[in-house]
N, C-alpha and C. Protein backbone atom coordinates (compact mmCIF):
# COMPACT_ATOMS: atom_id res chain seq x y z
N MET A 1 114.39 159.15 128.08
CA MET A 1 114.95 158.28 127.07
C MET A 1 114.56 158.84 125.71
N ASP A 2 115.53 158.92 124.81
CA ASP A 2 115.33 159.45 123.48
C ASP A 2 114.68 158.39 122.60
N PRO A 3 113.58 158.65 121.88
CA PRO A 3 112.92 157.63 121.06
C PRO A 3 113.78 157.19 119.88
N ASN A 4 114.78 157.97 119.49
CA ASN A 4 115.65 157.60 118.38
C ASN A 4 116.80 156.71 118.82
N THR A 5 116.99 156.56 120.10
CA THR A 5 118.07 155.73 120.62
C THR A 5 117.62 154.27 120.60
N ILE A 6 118.49 153.45 120.05
CA ILE A 6 118.20 152.02 119.99
C ILE A 6 118.90 151.35 121.16
N THR A 7 118.14 150.65 121.93
CA THR A 7 118.72 149.90 123.03
C THR A 7 118.56 148.42 122.76
N GLU A 8 119.55 147.69 123.16
CA GLU A 8 119.51 146.24 122.98
C GLU A 8 118.90 145.61 124.21
N SER A 9 118.01 144.71 123.99
CA SER A 9 117.44 143.97 125.11
C SER A 9 117.53 142.48 124.78
N LYS A 10 117.74 141.73 125.80
CA LYS A 10 117.83 140.28 125.62
C LYS A 10 116.43 139.70 125.63
N PRO A 11 116.12 138.85 124.63
CA PRO A 11 114.79 138.23 124.63
C PRO A 11 114.67 137.25 125.78
N GLU A 12 113.49 137.19 126.34
CA GLU A 12 113.26 136.25 127.43
C GLU A 12 113.20 134.84 126.89
N LYS A 13 113.74 133.93 127.66
CA LYS A 13 113.71 132.53 127.25
C LYS A 13 112.37 131.93 127.66
N SER A 14 111.83 131.15 126.77
CA SER A 14 110.58 130.48 127.08
C SER A 14 110.81 128.97 127.07
N ALA A 15 109.78 128.24 127.40
CA ALA A 15 109.88 126.78 127.41
C ALA A 15 110.08 126.23 126.01
N LEU A 16 109.68 127.01 124.99
CA LEU A 16 109.82 126.55 123.61
C LEU A 16 111.25 126.65 123.11
N ASP A 17 112.08 127.48 123.78
CA ASP A 17 113.46 127.67 123.35
C ASP A 17 114.39 126.57 123.82
N LYS A 18 113.91 125.71 124.68
CA LYS A 18 114.77 124.65 125.20
C LYS A 18 115.12 123.67 124.09
N PRO A 19 116.37 123.19 124.07
CA PRO A 19 116.73 122.21 123.04
C PRO A 19 115.98 120.91 123.26
N LYS A 20 115.56 120.32 122.17
CA LYS A 20 114.83 119.05 122.25
C LYS A 20 115.82 117.92 122.48
N SER A 21 115.39 116.94 123.24
CA SER A 21 116.25 115.79 123.48
C SER A 21 116.25 114.89 122.26
N ALA A 22 117.32 114.15 122.09
CA ALA A 22 117.46 113.25 120.96
C ALA A 22 116.46 112.10 121.11
N PRO A 23 115.92 111.60 119.99
CA PRO A 23 114.98 110.48 120.08
C PRO A 23 115.68 109.23 120.61
N ARG A 24 114.92 108.48 121.39
CA ARG A 24 115.49 107.26 121.95
C ARG A 24 115.46 106.14 120.93
N ALA A 25 116.44 105.27 121.01
CA ALA A 25 116.49 104.13 120.11
C ALA A 25 115.43 103.12 120.53
N VAL A 26 114.78 102.52 119.57
CA VAL A 26 113.76 101.51 119.83
C VAL A 26 114.47 100.17 119.96
N PRO A 27 114.30 99.48 121.10
CA PRO A 27 114.97 98.19 121.24
C PRO A 27 114.39 97.16 120.28
N SER A 28 115.23 96.26 119.86
CA SER A 28 114.81 95.21 118.94
C SER A 28 113.92 94.23 119.68
N PRO A 29 112.83 93.75 119.06
CA PRO A 29 111.95 92.80 119.73
C PRO A 29 112.59 91.43 119.91
N ILE A 30 113.63 91.14 119.15
CA ILE A 30 114.31 89.86 119.24
C ILE A 30 115.71 90.10 119.80
N PRO A 31 116.05 89.49 120.94
CA PRO A 31 117.37 89.72 121.51
C PRO A 31 118.46 89.12 120.63
N PRO A 32 119.64 89.74 120.61
CA PRO A 32 120.73 89.17 119.82
C PRO A 32 121.17 87.84 120.40
N THR A 33 121.56 86.93 119.54
CA THR A 33 121.99 85.62 119.99
C THR A 33 123.48 85.47 119.75
N ALA A 34 124.09 84.67 120.57
CA ALA A 34 125.52 84.41 120.39
C ALA A 34 125.70 83.48 119.20
N VAL A 35 126.68 83.79 118.38
CA VAL A 35 126.94 83.00 117.19
C VAL A 35 128.13 82.09 117.47
N SER A 36 127.89 80.78 117.40
CA SER A 36 128.99 79.84 117.58
C SER A 36 129.53 79.47 116.21
N ALA A 37 130.52 78.62 116.19
CA ALA A 37 131.18 78.25 114.94
C ALA A 37 130.35 77.22 114.19
N GLY A 38 129.26 77.63 113.61
CA GLY A 38 128.43 76.73 112.83
C GLY A 38 127.58 77.52 111.86
N PRO A 39 127.50 77.07 110.62
CA PRO A 39 126.74 77.83 109.63
C PRO A 39 125.25 77.88 109.92
N SER A 40 124.71 76.86 110.61
CA SER A 40 123.28 76.88 110.90
C SER A 40 122.93 78.01 111.86
N ASN A 41 123.79 78.27 112.84
CA ASN A 41 123.53 79.36 113.78
C ASN A 41 123.60 80.71 113.07
N VAL A 42 124.49 80.84 112.12
CA VAL A 42 124.60 82.09 111.38
C VAL A 42 123.34 82.32 110.57
N ALA A 43 122.82 81.27 109.95
CA ALA A 43 121.60 81.39 109.15
C ALA A 43 120.42 81.77 110.04
N ILE A 44 120.32 81.18 111.21
CA ILE A 44 119.23 81.50 112.13
C ILE A 44 119.34 82.95 112.59
N THR A 45 120.55 83.38 112.91
CA THR A 45 120.76 84.75 113.36
C THR A 45 120.41 85.74 112.25
N ASN A 46 120.81 85.45 111.01
CA ASN A 46 120.49 86.34 109.90
C ASN A 46 118.98 86.42 109.69
N THR A 47 118.29 85.29 109.81
CA THR A 47 116.84 85.28 109.65
C THR A 47 116.18 86.11 110.74
N GLN A 48 116.65 85.96 111.97
CA GLN A 48 116.08 86.74 113.08
C GLN A 48 116.33 88.23 112.88
N GLN A 49 117.51 88.57 112.37
CA GLN A 49 117.82 89.98 112.14
C GLN A 49 116.94 90.55 111.04
N GLN A 50 116.68 89.76 109.99
CA GLN A 50 115.81 90.23 108.92
C GLN A 50 114.40 90.44 109.43
N ARG A 51 113.93 89.50 110.25
CA ARG A 51 112.58 89.61 110.81
C ARG A 51 112.50 90.84 111.72
N ALA A 52 113.51 91.01 112.56
CA ALA A 52 113.52 92.17 113.45
C ALA A 52 113.60 93.45 112.63
N SER A 53 114.31 93.40 111.52
CA SER A 53 114.42 94.57 110.67
C SER A 53 113.06 94.94 110.08
N LYS A 54 112.30 93.95 109.64
CA LYS A 54 110.96 94.23 109.09
C LYS A 54 110.05 94.81 110.15
N TYR A 55 110.10 94.25 111.36
CA TYR A 55 109.26 94.76 112.44
C TYR A 55 109.68 96.17 112.82
N SER A 56 110.97 96.42 112.88
CA SER A 56 111.42 97.77 113.24
C SER A 56 111.09 98.77 112.14
N GLN A 57 111.17 98.33 110.87
CA GLN A 57 110.77 99.21 109.76
C GLN A 57 109.29 99.56 109.88
N LEU A 58 108.48 98.56 110.18
CA LEU A 58 107.04 98.78 110.32
C LEU A 58 106.75 99.74 111.48
N GLY A 59 107.43 99.53 112.59
CA GLY A 59 107.24 100.43 113.74
C GLY A 59 107.65 101.86 113.43
N ALA A 60 108.78 102.01 112.75
CA ALA A 60 109.25 103.35 112.39
C ALA A 60 108.29 104.01 111.40
N LEU A 61 107.77 103.22 110.48
CA LEU A 61 106.84 103.76 109.48
C LEU A 61 105.54 104.23 110.14
N ILE A 62 105.04 103.46 111.08
CA ILE A 62 103.82 103.84 111.79
C ILE A 62 104.05 105.12 112.59
N GLU A 63 105.23 105.23 113.18
CA GLU A 63 105.57 106.44 113.93
C GLU A 63 105.60 107.66 113.00
N GLU A 64 106.18 107.50 111.83
CA GLU A 64 106.23 108.59 110.85
C GLU A 64 104.84 108.95 110.35
N MET A 65 103.98 107.96 110.20
CA MET A 65 102.61 108.22 109.73
C MET A 65 101.86 109.10 110.73
N GLY A 66 102.15 108.93 112.00
CA GLY A 66 101.50 109.73 113.03
C GLY A 66 101.75 111.22 112.86
N LYS A 67 102.89 111.56 112.30
CA LYS A 67 103.24 112.97 112.11
C LYS A 67 102.44 113.61 110.98
N ASP A 68 101.92 112.81 110.07
CA ASP A 68 101.19 113.34 108.92
C ASP A 68 99.68 113.40 109.14
N ILE A 69 99.19 112.86 110.23
CA ILE A 69 97.74 112.79 110.43
C ILE A 69 97.13 114.17 110.67
N ARG A 70 97.68 114.95 111.58
CA ARG A 70 97.09 116.26 111.88
C ARG A 70 97.15 117.20 110.67
N PRO A 71 98.30 117.31 109.96
CA PRO A 71 98.30 118.18 108.77
C PRO A 71 97.32 117.71 107.70
N THR A 72 97.05 116.41 107.66
CA THR A 72 96.07 115.90 106.69
C THR A 72 94.68 116.43 107.02
N TYR A 73 94.33 116.51 108.31
CA TYR A 73 93.03 117.05 108.71
C TYR A 73 92.89 118.52 108.34
N THR A 74 94.01 119.24 108.33
CA THR A 74 93.95 120.67 108.00
C THR A 74 93.96 120.89 106.50
N GLY A 75 94.08 119.83 105.71
CA GLY A 75 93.99 119.95 104.26
C GLY A 75 95.32 120.00 103.54
N ASN A 76 96.40 119.65 104.18
CA ASN A 76 97.72 119.67 103.55
C ASN A 76 97.81 118.52 102.54
N ARG A 77 97.88 118.86 101.27
CA ARG A 77 97.89 117.84 100.20
C ARG A 77 99.15 116.99 100.23
N ASN A 78 100.30 117.61 100.50
CA ASN A 78 101.55 116.85 100.54
C ASN A 78 101.49 115.76 101.60
N CYS A 79 100.99 116.13 102.77
CA CYS A 79 100.88 115.14 103.85
C CYS A 79 99.86 114.07 103.52
N GLN A 80 98.79 114.45 102.82
CA GLN A 80 97.79 113.46 102.41
C GLN A 80 98.42 112.41 101.51
N GLU A 81 99.16 112.86 100.52
CA GLU A 81 99.78 111.92 99.58
C GLU A 81 100.83 111.06 100.27
N ARG A 82 101.62 111.68 101.15
CA ARG A 82 102.65 110.92 101.87
C ARG A 82 102.00 109.88 102.77
N LEU A 83 100.87 110.25 103.39
CA LEU A 83 100.15 109.31 104.25
C LEU A 83 99.59 108.14 103.45
N LYS A 84 99.08 108.41 102.25
CA LYS A 84 98.58 107.33 101.38
C LYS A 84 99.70 106.36 101.03
N ARG A 85 100.85 106.91 100.65
CA ARG A 85 101.99 106.04 100.30
C ARG A 85 102.46 105.25 101.51
N SER A 86 102.46 105.89 102.67
CA SER A 86 102.89 105.21 103.89
C SER A 86 101.95 104.08 104.27
N VAL A 87 100.65 104.29 104.09
CA VAL A 87 99.68 103.24 104.40
C VAL A 87 99.89 102.04 103.48
N ALA A 88 100.11 102.30 102.20
CA ALA A 88 100.36 101.20 101.26
C ALA A 88 101.63 100.45 101.63
N HIS A 89 102.68 101.18 102.00
CA HIS A 89 103.94 100.55 102.38
C HIS A 89 103.78 99.75 103.67
N ALA A 90 103.03 100.30 104.63
CA ALA A 90 102.80 99.60 105.89
C ALA A 90 102.02 98.30 105.66
N ARG A 91 101.06 98.33 104.75
CA ARG A 91 100.31 97.11 104.43
C ARG A 91 101.23 96.03 103.88
N LEU A 92 102.15 96.43 103.00
CA LEU A 92 103.10 95.46 102.44
C LEU A 92 104.00 94.88 103.53
N LEU A 93 104.52 95.74 104.40
CA LEU A 93 105.38 95.25 105.48
C LEU A 93 104.61 94.33 106.42
N ALA A 94 103.36 94.68 106.72
CA ALA A 94 102.56 93.83 107.60
C ALA A 94 102.31 92.47 106.97
N ARG A 95 102.05 92.45 105.66
CA ARG A 95 101.87 91.16 104.96
C ARG A 95 103.14 90.33 105.02
N GLU A 96 104.30 90.98 104.82
CA GLU A 96 105.57 90.26 104.87
C GLU A 96 105.80 89.68 106.26
N CYS A 97 105.47 90.44 107.30
CA CYS A 97 105.64 89.95 108.67
C CYS A 97 104.71 88.77 108.94
N LEU A 98 103.46 88.87 108.47
CA LEU A 98 102.52 87.76 108.66
C LEU A 98 102.96 86.52 107.88
N ALA A 99 103.46 86.71 106.67
CA ALA A 99 103.94 85.58 105.88
C ALA A 99 105.12 84.91 106.57
N GLU A 100 105.97 85.70 107.18
CA GLU A 100 107.13 85.16 107.91
C GLU A 100 106.66 84.33 109.10
N LEU A 101 105.64 84.82 109.80
CA LEU A 101 105.10 84.06 110.94
C LEU A 101 104.49 82.74 110.49
N GLU A 102 103.72 82.76 109.40
CA GLU A 102 103.11 81.54 108.89
C GLU A 102 104.17 80.54 108.44
N LYS A 103 105.23 81.04 107.85
CA LYS A 103 106.30 80.18 107.36
C LYS A 103 107.03 79.49 108.51
N ASN A 104 107.13 80.16 109.64
CA ASN A 104 107.88 79.62 110.78
C ASN A 104 107.02 78.78 111.72
N LYS A 105 105.74 78.59 111.43
CA LYS A 105 104.88 77.77 112.30
C LYS A 105 105.25 76.32 112.24
């Protein structure tokens, strides 16, 4: 074989080359309710959707925070700042969720 000759070779596939599966949707903690012809049911459904929205936002935020923890340990300043902002936002969402629970007691 001539050292000046270029031959093409196919790279071997590894486990890292596999396409990642799409993230699964997180089910809502509050099941959807049937809306009948009455404004009170619509108001209740909207309130439940808002509450579920806050809980799902909090869950998604906590999941995102998990991605910044390891880079923060390695000294990544951007991840540190993003984690600080996320913690502050999570505290606000948690307070809103607790206030909603107290209001509905």
